[in-house]
Amino acid sequence: MIRRVNQTVLWILVALDGLVTVVAWLTAYQVRVSGWLVPLFHQPPSWELCWRLLPVVVLLAFVAFRWAGLYEVHRLRRFREELAGALQGTILTVLLVLALLFFTKQEYYSRLTLGYFGVFLLGLVILSRRLAWSLLRHLR
């Protein structure tokens, strides 16, 4: 019974991570292209580039989060351990995406967009994990 519950929790965390990765990727792209924080001085790239890379970015995030230990489910995990894992997973995700963009020789991609993506991803992963664990605690 405990193993089945742990697998359910694991799949919930994986689904949340996929969702927040998509939201962080699209939000970072929109913030950069809009020029809201930092003005854009040249023609913005098309949304097609953003959507084309999205499935690979989500896959890389899953790999990075697995490597960082975020999919080890146990109730007694402390917040700072989860924060350290989220930070490691986010940094690794951004580095893997940067390597992907470099080796595939994409015509344009902003380093600032990747920075936004990292910040948004870290914040959303921590927020979604805290909400998920709070909900599970409430249900128990």
N, C-alpha and C. Protein backbone atom coordinates (compact mmCIF):
# COMPACT_ATOMS: atom_id res chain seq x y z
N MET A 1 0.82 -1.19 0.00
CA MET A 1 0.00 0.00 0.00
C MET A 1 0.87 1.26 0.00
N ILE A 2 1.91 1.29 0.83
CA ILE A 2 2.77 2.48 0.90
C ILE A 2 3.47 2.70 -0.44
N ARG A 3 3.92 1.61 -1.08
CA ARG A 3 4.61 1.74 -2.36
C ARG A 3 3.66 2.34 -3.41
N ARG A 4 2.39 1.91 -3.40
CA ARG A 4 1.42 2.44 -4.36
C ARG A 4 1.17 3.93 -4.12
N VAL A 5 1.08 4.32 -2.86
CA VAL A 5 0.89 5.74 -2.53
C VAL A 5 2.11 6.54 -2.96
N ASN A 6 3.31 6.01 -2.73
CA ASN A 6 4.53 6.71 -3.13
C ASN A 6 4.58 6.88 -4.65
N GLN A 7 4.14 5.85 -5.39
CA GLN A 7 4.14 5.97 -6.85
C GLN A 7 3.14 7.02 -7.31
N THR A 8 2.00 7.10 -6.65
CA THR A 8 1.01 8.13 -6.98
C THR A 8 1.57 9.51 -6.71
N VAL A 9 2.20 9.69 -5.57
CA VAL A 9 2.82 10.98 -5.23
C VAL A 9 3.91 11.32 -6.25
N LEU A 10 4.70 10.32 -6.63
CA LEU A 10 5.76 10.54 -7.61
C LEU A 10 5.19 11.03 -8.93
N TRP A 11 4.12 10.42 -9.40
CA TRP A 11 3.52 10.83 -10.68
C TRP A 11 2.91 12.22 -10.58
N ILE A 12 2.38 12.55 -9.42
CA ILE A 12 1.85 13.91 -9.23
C ILE A 12 2.98 14.93 -9.31
N LEU A 13 4.11 14.62 -8.66
CA LEU A 13 5.26 15.53 -8.70
C LEU A 13 5.82 15.66 -10.11
N VAL A 14 5.88 14.56 -10.85
CA VAL A 14 6.37 14.61 -12.23
C VAL A 14 5.45 15.47 -13.09
N ALA A 15 4.14 15.28 -12.93
CA ALA A 15 3.18 16.08 -13.71
C ALA A 15 3.30 17.57 -13.36
N LEU A 16 3.43 17.88 -12.08
CA LEU A 16 3.61 19.28 -11.67
C LEU A 16 4.89 19.87 -12.24
N ASP A 17 5.96 19.09 -12.22
CA ASP A 17 7.23 19.58 -12.76
C ASP A 17 7.13 19.85 -14.25
N GLY A 18 6.44 18.97 -14.96
CA GLY A 18 6.24 19.21 -16.40
C GLY A 18 5.44 20.47 -16.64
N LEU A 19 4.39 20.65 -15.87
CA LEU A 19 3.54 21.83 -16.02
C LEU A 19 4.31 23.12 -15.71
N VAL A 20 5.03 23.14 -14.60
CA VAL A 20 5.75 24.37 -14.24
C VAL A 20 6.91 24.65 -15.20
N THR A 21 7.49 23.61 -15.78
CA THR A 21 8.54 23.82 -16.78
C THR A 21 7.97 24.50 -18.02
N VAL A 22 6.81 24.04 -18.46
CA VAL A 22 6.15 24.66 -19.61
C VAL A 22 5.81 26.12 -19.30
N VAL A 23 5.24 26.37 -18.14
CA VAL A 23 4.86 27.73 -17.76
C VAL A 23 6.10 28.62 -17.66
N ALA A 24 7.17 28.12 -17.04
CA ALA A 24 8.39 28.93 -16.91
C ALA A 24 9.01 29.23 -18.27
N TRP A 25 9.03 28.24 -19.17
CA TRP A 25 9.62 28.42 -20.49
C TRP A 25 8.85 29.47 -21.30
N LEU A 26 7.53 29.33 -21.33
CA LEU A 26 6.71 30.27 -22.11
C LEU A 26 6.70 31.67 -21.49
N THR A 27 6.69 31.74 -20.17
CA THR A 27 6.71 33.04 -19.50
C THR A 27 8.03 33.77 -19.72
N ALA A 28 9.13 33.04 -19.63
CA ALA A 28 10.45 33.65 -19.85
C ALA A 28 10.54 34.19 -21.27
N TYR A 29 10.05 33.43 -22.22
CA TYR A 29 10.09 33.87 -23.61
C TYR A 29 9.22 35.12 -23.80
N GLN A 30 8.03 35.12 -23.21
CA GLN A 30 7.13 36.27 -23.35
C GLN A 30 7.70 37.53 -22.69
N VAL A 31 8.29 37.36 -21.51
CA VAL A 31 8.87 38.52 -20.80
C VAL A 31 10.01 39.10 -21.62
N ARG A 32 10.83 38.25 -22.21
CA ARG A 32 11.96 38.75 -22.99
C ARG A 32 11.51 39.41 -24.29
N VAL A 33 10.59 38.78 -25.00
CA VAL A 33 10.15 39.31 -26.28
C VAL A 33 9.35 40.60 -26.11
N SER A 34 8.62 40.71 -25.00
CA SER A 34 7.82 41.91 -24.78
C SER A 34 8.70 43.13 -24.48
N GLY A 35 9.93 42.89 -24.03
CA GLY A 35 10.81 44.00 -23.68
C GLY A 35 10.37 44.71 -22.42
N TRP A 36 9.60 44.04 -21.61
CA TRP A 36 9.04 44.63 -20.41
C TRP A 36 10.12 45.02 -19.41
N LEU A 37 11.08 44.14 -19.15
CA LEU A 37 12.14 44.44 -18.18
C LEU A 37 13.37 45.04 -18.85
N VAL A 38 13.78 44.45 -19.96
CA VAL A 38 14.95 44.91 -20.70
C VAL A 38 14.51 45.14 -22.14
N PRO A 39 14.73 46.32 -22.68
CA PRO A 39 14.27 46.59 -24.04
C PRO A 39 14.93 45.67 -25.07
N LEU A 40 14.18 45.36 -26.09
CA LEU A 40 14.67 44.52 -27.19
C LEU A 40 15.03 45.45 -28.34
N PHE A 41 16.28 45.40 -28.79
CA PHE A 41 16.76 46.34 -29.80
C PHE A 41 16.78 45.78 -31.22
N HIS A 42 16.31 44.56 -31.39
CA HIS A 42 16.29 43.97 -32.73
C HIS A 42 15.00 43.19 -32.90
N GLN A 43 14.83 42.62 -34.05
CA GLN A 43 13.60 41.87 -34.36
C GLN A 43 13.47 40.67 -33.41
N PRO A 44 12.35 40.56 -32.71
CA PRO A 44 12.19 39.41 -31.80
C PRO A 44 12.06 38.11 -32.57
N PRO A 45 12.55 37.02 -32.00
CA PRO A 45 12.42 35.72 -32.66
C PRO A 45 10.95 35.27 -32.68
N SER A 46 10.66 34.36 -33.57
CA SER A 46 9.28 33.89 -33.70
C SER A 46 8.92 32.94 -32.56
N TRP A 47 7.63 32.85 -32.30
CA TRP A 47 7.14 31.92 -31.29
C TRP A 47 7.37 30.48 -31.72
N GLU A 48 7.53 30.26 -33.01
CA GLU A 48 7.74 28.90 -33.53
C GLU A 48 9.00 28.29 -32.92
N LEU A 49 10.03 29.08 -32.75
CA LEU A 49 11.27 28.59 -32.14
C LEU A 49 11.02 28.16 -30.70
N CYS A 50 10.27 28.96 -29.97
CA CYS A 50 9.95 28.64 -28.58
C CYS A 50 9.17 27.33 -28.49
N TRP A 51 8.14 27.18 -29.30
CA TRP A 51 7.31 25.96 -29.26
C TRP A 51 8.07 24.74 -29.76
N ARG A 52 8.96 24.93 -30.72
CA ARG A 52 9.72 23.81 -31.25
C ARG A 52 10.66 23.21 -30.19
N LEU A 53 11.20 24.05 -29.33
CA LEU A 53 12.14 23.58 -28.31
C LEU A 53 11.46 23.07 -27.04
N LEU A 54 10.19 23.40 -26.86
CA LEU A 54 9.49 23.09 -25.61
C LEU A 54 9.52 21.61 -25.21
N PRO A 55 9.21 20.65 -26.08
CA PRO A 55 9.24 19.24 -25.63
C PRO A 55 10.61 18.78 -25.16
N VAL A 56 11.66 19.25 -25.84
CA VAL A 56 13.01 18.86 -25.44
C VAL A 56 13.38 19.50 -24.10
N VAL A 57 12.96 20.72 -23.89
CA VAL A 57 13.24 21.41 -22.62
C VAL A 57 12.56 20.67 -21.46
N VAL A 58 11.33 20.25 -21.65
CA VAL A 58 10.61 19.51 -20.61
C VAL A 58 11.32 18.19 -20.32
N LEU A 59 11.74 17.49 -21.35
CA LEU A 59 12.47 16.23 -21.17
C LEU A 59 13.79 16.45 -20.42
N LEU A 60 14.51 17.50 -20.77
CA LEU A 60 15.76 17.82 -20.08
C LEU A 60 15.50 18.17 -18.61
N ALA A 61 14.39 18.84 -18.34
CA ALA A 61 14.05 19.18 -16.95
C ALA A 61 13.77 17.91 -16.16
N PHE A 62 13.06 16.95 -16.73
CA PHE A 62 12.81 15.69 -16.04
C PHE A 62 14.12 14.98 -15.71
N VAL A 63 15.03 14.95 -16.67
CA VAL A 63 16.33 14.30 -16.46
C VAL A 63 17.10 15.02 -15.36
N ALA A 64 17.13 16.33 -15.40
CA ALA A 64 17.88 17.12 -14.40
C ALA A 64 17.27 16.96 -13.01
N PHE A 65 15.95 17.00 -12.92
CA PHE A 65 15.30 16.87 -11.61
C PHE A 65 15.50 15.46 -11.04
N ARG A 66 15.49 14.46 -11.90
CA ARG A 66 15.75 13.09 -11.44
C ARG A 66 17.18 12.99 -10.91
N TRP A 67 18.11 13.58 -11.65
CA TRP A 67 19.51 13.53 -11.23
C TRP A 67 19.72 14.28 -9.92
N ALA A 68 18.96 15.35 -9.71
CA ALA A 68 19.09 16.16 -8.49
C ALA A 68 18.38 15.53 -7.30
N GLY A 69 17.69 14.42 -7.50
CA GLY A 69 17.05 13.72 -6.39
C GLY A 69 15.68 14.24 -6.02
N LEU A 70 15.04 14.99 -6.90
CA LEU A 70 13.73 15.54 -6.57
C LEU A 70 12.62 14.50 -6.64
N TYR A 71 12.88 13.34 -7.22
CA TYR A 71 11.84 12.32 -7.31
C TYR A 71 12.00 11.21 -6.30
N GLU A 72 12.77 11.47 -5.26
CA GLU A 72 12.85 10.55 -4.13
C GLU A 72 11.79 10.99 -3.13
N VAL A 73 10.77 10.16 -2.97
CA VAL A 73 9.61 10.54 -2.18
C VAL A 73 9.76 10.02 -0.75
N HIS A 74 9.81 10.95 0.19
CA HIS A 74 9.72 10.60 1.61
C HIS A 74 9.19 11.80 2.37
N ARG A 75 8.37 11.51 3.34
CA ARG A 75 7.64 12.55 4.07
C ARG A 75 8.53 13.45 4.91
N LEU A 76 9.63 12.92 5.38
CA LEU A 76 10.45 13.66 6.34
C LEU A 76 11.51 14.53 5.68
N ARG A 77 11.39 14.74 4.41
CA ARG A 77 12.36 15.58 3.72
C ARG A 77 12.21 17.03 4.17
N ARG A 78 13.31 17.63 4.53
CA ARG A 78 13.30 19.01 5.00
C ARG A 78 13.23 19.98 3.83
N PHE A 79 12.75 21.17 4.15
CA PHE A 79 12.61 22.20 3.12
C PHE A 79 13.95 22.56 2.50
N ARG A 80 14.99 22.68 3.30
CA ARG A 80 16.29 23.07 2.74
C ARG A 80 16.86 21.99 1.83
N GLU A 81 16.55 20.71 2.12
CA GLU A 81 16.99 19.64 1.22
C GLU A 81 16.25 19.73 -0.12
N GLU A 82 14.97 20.02 -0.05
CA GLU A 82 14.19 20.18 -1.27
C GLU A 82 14.63 21.42 -2.04
N LEU A 83 14.93 22.49 -1.33
CA LEU A 83 15.42 23.71 -1.96
C LEU A 83 16.75 23.46 -2.66
N ALA A 84 17.65 22.74 -2.00
CA ALA A 84 18.95 22.43 -2.61
C ALA A 84 18.76 21.57 -3.86
N GLY A 85 17.87 20.58 -3.79
CA GLY A 85 17.59 19.75 -4.96
C GLY A 85 16.97 20.54 -6.09
N ALA A 86 16.05 21.44 -5.76
CA ALA A 86 15.41 22.28 -6.79
C ALA A 86 16.43 23.21 -7.43
N LEU A 87 17.33 23.76 -6.63
CA LEU A 87 18.37 24.64 -7.17
C LEU A 87 19.31 23.86 -8.08
N GLN A 88 19.74 22.68 -7.65
CA GLN A 88 20.61 21.85 -8.49
C GLN A 88 19.91 21.46 -9.79
N GLY A 89 18.65 21.04 -9.68
CA GLY A 89 17.90 20.63 -10.87
C GLY A 89 17.68 21.78 -11.83
N THR A 90 17.41 22.95 -11.30
CA THR A 90 17.18 24.12 -12.16
C THR A 90 18.47 24.54 -12.87
N ILE A 91 19.57 24.59 -12.14
CA ILE A 91 20.84 24.97 -12.75
C ILE A 91 21.23 23.96 -13.83
N LEU A 92 21.05 22.68 -13.53
CA LEU A 92 21.38 21.65 -14.51
C LEU A 92 20.47 21.75 -15.73
N THR A 93 19.19 22.03 -15.52
CA THR A 93 18.27 22.19 -16.64
C THR A 93 18.70 23.33 -17.56
N VAL A 94 19.02 24.47 -16.97
CA VAL A 94 19.45 25.63 -17.76
C VAL A 94 20.75 25.32 -18.51
N LEU A 95 21.68 24.64 -17.86
CA LEU A 95 22.93 24.28 -18.54
C LEU A 95 22.70 23.29 -19.68
N LEU A 96 21.81 22.33 -19.47
CA LEU A 96 21.50 21.36 -20.54
C LEU A 96 20.82 22.05 -21.72
N VAL A 97 19.91 22.97 -21.44
CA VAL A 97 19.25 23.71 -22.52
C VAL A 97 20.27 24.58 -23.25
N LEU A 98 21.16 25.21 -22.52
CA LEU A 98 22.21 26.03 -23.14
C LEU A 98 23.10 25.17 -24.04
N ALA A 99 23.47 23.98 -23.57
CA ALA A 99 24.27 23.07 -24.38
C ALA A 99 23.50 22.62 -25.62
N LEU A 100 22.22 22.34 -25.45
CA LEU A 100 21.39 21.96 -26.59
C LEU A 100 21.36 23.06 -27.64
N LEU A 101 21.15 24.30 -27.21
CA LEU A 101 21.10 25.42 -28.14
C LEU A 101 22.44 25.64 -28.84
N PHE A 102 23.52 25.41 -28.11
CA PHE A 102 24.85 25.59 -28.68
C PHE A 102 25.14 24.51 -29.73
N PHE A 103 24.87 23.25 -29.38
CA PHE A 103 25.22 22.16 -30.29
C PHE A 103 24.28 22.05 -31.49
N THR A 104 23.05 22.53 -31.36
CA THR A 104 22.13 22.52 -32.50
C THR A 104 22.23 23.80 -33.32
N LYS A 105 23.05 24.74 -32.87
CA LYS A 105 23.31 26.00 -33.58
C LYS A 105 22.02 26.73 -33.93
N GLN A 106 21.22 26.98 -32.90
CA GLN A 106 19.98 27.73 -33.11
C GLN A 106 20.31 29.12 -33.60
N GLU A 107 19.46 29.64 -34.49
CA GLU A 107 19.73 30.94 -35.10
C GLU A 107 19.71 32.08 -34.10
N TYR A 108 18.86 31.97 -33.09
CA TYR A 108 18.82 33.03 -32.07
C TYR A 108 18.25 32.46 -30.79
N TYR A 109 18.90 32.74 -29.74
CA TYR A 109 18.28 32.53 -28.43
C TYR A 109 19.01 33.38 -27.42
N SER A 110 18.26 34.09 -26.62
CA SER A 110 18.80 35.07 -25.69
C SER A 110 19.27 34.40 -24.40
N ARG A 111 20.44 34.78 -23.95
CA ARG A 111 20.92 34.31 -22.65
C ARG A 111 20.06 34.88 -21.53
N LEU A 112 19.55 36.07 -21.74
CA LEU A 112 18.66 36.68 -20.76
C LEU A 112 17.36 35.87 -20.62
N THR A 113 16.87 35.35 -21.73
CA THR A 113 15.69 34.48 -21.68
C THR A 113 15.97 33.24 -20.85
N LEU A 114 17.14 32.66 -21.01
CA LEU A 114 17.51 31.50 -20.21
C LEU A 114 17.64 31.85 -18.73
N GLY A 115 18.11 33.05 -18.44
CA GLY A 115 18.17 33.51 -17.05
C GLY A 115 16.78 33.65 -16.45
N TYR A 116 15.88 34.27 -17.22
CA TYR A 116 14.48 34.36 -16.77
C TYR A 116 13.90 32.97 -16.55
N PHE A 117 14.16 32.08 -17.49
CA PHE A 117 13.65 30.72 -17.38
C PHE A 117 14.13 30.05 -16.10
N GLY A 118 15.41 30.20 -15.77
CA GLY A 118 15.94 29.61 -14.55
C GLY A 118 15.29 30.16 -13.30
N VAL A 119 15.11 31.47 -13.25
CA VAL A 119 14.49 32.09 -12.08
C VAL A 119 13.03 31.65 -11.94
N PHE A 120 12.30 31.70 -13.05
CA PHE A 120 10.89 31.30 -13.01
C PHE A 120 10.75 29.83 -12.66
N LEU A 121 11.61 28.99 -13.24
CA LEU A 121 11.53 27.56 -12.98
C LEU A 121 11.81 27.25 -11.51
N LEU A 122 12.84 27.84 -10.95
CA LEU A 122 13.16 27.61 -9.54
C LEU A 122 12.00 28.03 -8.65
N GLY A 123 11.48 29.22 -8.87
CA GLY A 123 10.37 29.69 -8.05
C GLY A 123 9.13 28.82 -8.17
N LEU A 124 8.80 28.42 -9.40
CA LEU A 124 7.60 27.60 -9.61
C LEU A 124 7.76 26.18 -9.07
N VAL A 125 8.95 25.62 -9.19
CA VAL A 125 9.18 24.27 -8.65
C VAL A 125 9.03 24.28 -7.14
N ILE A 126 9.64 25.25 -6.49
CA ILE A 126 9.55 25.33 -5.02
C ILE A 126 8.10 25.56 -4.60
N LEU A 127 7.42 26.47 -5.26
CA LEU A 127 6.02 26.75 -4.94
C LEU A 127 5.14 25.53 -5.16
N SER A 128 5.30 24.85 -6.28
CA SER A 128 4.45 23.68 -6.55
C SER A 128 4.74 22.55 -5.57
N ARG A 129 5.99 22.36 -5.21
CA ARG A 129 6.34 21.31 -4.23
C ARG A 129 5.74 21.62 -2.86
N ARG A 130 5.85 22.85 -2.44
CA ARG A 130 5.28 23.23 -1.13
C ARG A 130 3.77 23.04 -1.13
N LEU A 131 3.11 23.46 -2.20
CA LEU A 131 1.66 23.29 -2.29
C LEU A 131 1.27 21.82 -2.32
N ALA A 132 2.01 21.01 -3.07
CA ALA A 132 1.70 19.58 -3.16
C ALA A 132 1.87 18.90 -1.81
N TRP A 133 2.97 19.20 -1.11
CA TRP A 133 3.18 18.57 0.20
C TRP A 133 2.17 19.06 1.21
N SER A 134 1.77 20.33 1.14
CA SER A 134 0.74 20.84 2.04
C SER A 134 -0.59 20.15 1.80
N LEU A 135 -0.93 19.97 0.54
CA LEU A 135 -2.17 19.27 0.21
C LEU A 135 -2.14 17.82 0.68
N LEU A 136 -1.03 17.15 0.49
CA LEU A 136 -0.93 15.76 0.96
C LEU A 136 -1.01 15.67 2.48
N ARG A 137 -0.38 16.60 3.15
CA ARG A 137 -0.45 16.63 4.61
C ARG A 137 -1.90 16.85 5.07
N HIS A 138 -2.60 17.73 4.38
CA HIS A 138 -4.00 17.99 4.71
C HIS A 138 -4.87 16.75 4.46
N LEU A 139 -4.61 16.04 3.37
CA LEU A 139 -5.40 14.85 3.05
C LEU A 139 -5.14 13.70 4.03
N ARG A 140 -3.93 13.64 4.57
CA ARG A 140 -3.62 12.58 5.54
C ARG A 140 -4.32 12.87 6.84
